[in-house]
Amino acid sequence: MQQWEYASVPLIPHSIAEILNNWGEDGWELVQVYVPGDVPGTIALFKRAKQ
């Protein structure tokens, strides 16, 4: 059975592409971007298969 690991990463507006590309190069897949209602900022959620 496939197992996954997850990461939540804050996105900095002037570095979004760089952040997403760096995580992608490390094998992480972007699954969601959201703005939490209780704190400022934007969060990216990633997943990748456990090794």
C-alpha atoms as a PDB file:
ATOM      1  CA  MET A   1       0.000   0.000   0.000  1.00  0.00           C
ATOM      2  CA  GLN A   2       1.369   3.405  -0.980  1.00  0.00           C
ATOM      3  CA  GLN A   3       2.191   5.710   1.924  1.00  0.00           C
ATOM      4  CA  TRP A   4       2.544   9.477   1.668  1.00  0.00           C
ATOM      5  CA  GLU A   5       4.316  12.212   3.556  1.00  0.00           C
ATOM      6  CA  TYR A   6       3.039  15.793   3.623  1.00  0.00           C
ATOM      7  CA  ALA A   7       4.468  19.272   4.074  1.00  0.00           C
ATOM      8  CA  SER A   8       2.888  22.677   4.619  1.00  0.00           C
ATOM      9  CA  VAL A   9       4.901  25.635   3.344  1.00  0.00           C
ATOM     10  CA  PRO A  10       4.231  29.370   3.664  1.00  0.00           C
ATOM     11  CA  LEU A  11       4.309  31.150   0.290  1.00  0.00           C
ATOM     12  CA  ILE A  12       6.147  34.461   0.051  1.00  0.00           C
ATOM     13  CA  PRO A  13       4.493  36.595  -2.670  1.00  0.00           C
ATOM     14  CA  HIS A  14       7.676  37.638  -4.480  1.00  0.00           C
ATOM     15  CA  SER A  15       9.132  34.074  -4.431  1.00  0.00           C
ATOM     16  CA  ILE A  16       6.169  31.808  -5.211  1.00  0.00           C
ATOM     17  CA  ALA A  17       7.553  30.296  -8.439  1.00  0.00           C
ATOM     18  CA  GLU A  18      10.960  29.675  -6.871  1.00  0.00           C
ATOM     19  CA  ILE A  19       9.410  28.004  -3.807  1.00  0.00           C
ATOM     20  CA  LEU A  20       7.135  25.772  -5.906  1.00  0.00           C
ATOM     21  CA  ASN A  21       9.968  24.822  -8.291  1.00  0.00           C
ATOM     22  CA  ASN A  22      12.347  23.965  -5.448  1.00  0.00           C
ATOM     23  CA  TRP A  23       9.823  21.680  -3.756  1.00  0.00           C
ATOM     24  CA  GLY A  24       8.903  20.116  -7.110  1.00  0.00           C
ATOM     25  CA  GLU A  25      12.558  19.350  -7.857  1.00  0.00           C
ATOM     26  CA  ASP A  26      12.699  17.450  -4.561  1.00  0.00           C
ATOM     27  CA  GLY A  27       9.790  15.234  -5.640  1.00  0.00           C
ATOM     28  CA  TRP A  28       6.957  17.056  -3.863  1.00  0.00           C
ATOM     29  CA  GLU A  29       3.603  17.473  -5.624  1.00  0.00           C
ATOM     30  CA  LEU A  30       1.499  20.561  -4.903  1.00  0.00           C
ATOM     31  CA  VAL A  31      -1.965  19.431  -3.798  1.00  0.00           C
ATOM     32  CA  GLN A  32      -3.555  22.620  -2.459  1.00  0.00           C
ATOM     33  CA  VAL A  33      -2.989  26.314  -1.831  1.00  0.00           C
ATOM     34  CA  TYR A  34      -5.106  28.055   0.768  1.00  0.00           C
ATOM     35  CA  VAL A  35      -5.401  31.186   2.882  1.00  0.00           C
ATOM     36  CA  PRO A  36      -6.177  30.309   6.503  1.00  0.00           C
ATOM     37  CA  GLY A  37      -8.813  32.492   8.099  1.00  0.00           C
ATOM     38  CA  ASP A  38      -7.098  32.798  11.465  1.00  0.00           C
ATOM     39  CA  VAL A  39      -3.575  33.881  10.391  1.00  0.00           C
ATOM     40  CA  PRO A  40      -2.252  36.075   7.570  1.00  0.00           C
ATOM     41  CA  GLY A  41      -0.514  34.563   4.563  1.00  0.00           C
ATOM     42  CA  THR A  42      -0.893  31.798   2.022  1.00  0.00           C
ATOM     43  CA  ILE A  43       0.023  28.151   2.605  1.00  0.00           C
ATOM     44  CA  ALA A  44       0.974  25.488   0.055  1.00  0.00           C
ATOM     45  CA  LEU A  45       0.345  21.815   0.857  1.00  0.00           C
ATOM     46  CA  PHE A  46       2.595  19.227  -0.787  1.00  0.00           C
ATOM     47  CA  LYS A  47       2.755  15.445  -0.809  1.00  0.00           C
ATOM     48  CA  ARG A  48       5.185  12.797  -2.021  1.00  0.00           C
ATOM     49  CA  ALA A  49       5.498   9.056  -1.783  1.00  0.00           C
ATOM     50  CA  LYS A  50       7.363   7.830   1.291  1.00  0.00           C
ATOM     51  CA  GLN A  51      10.708   6.251   0.479  1.00  0.00           C
END
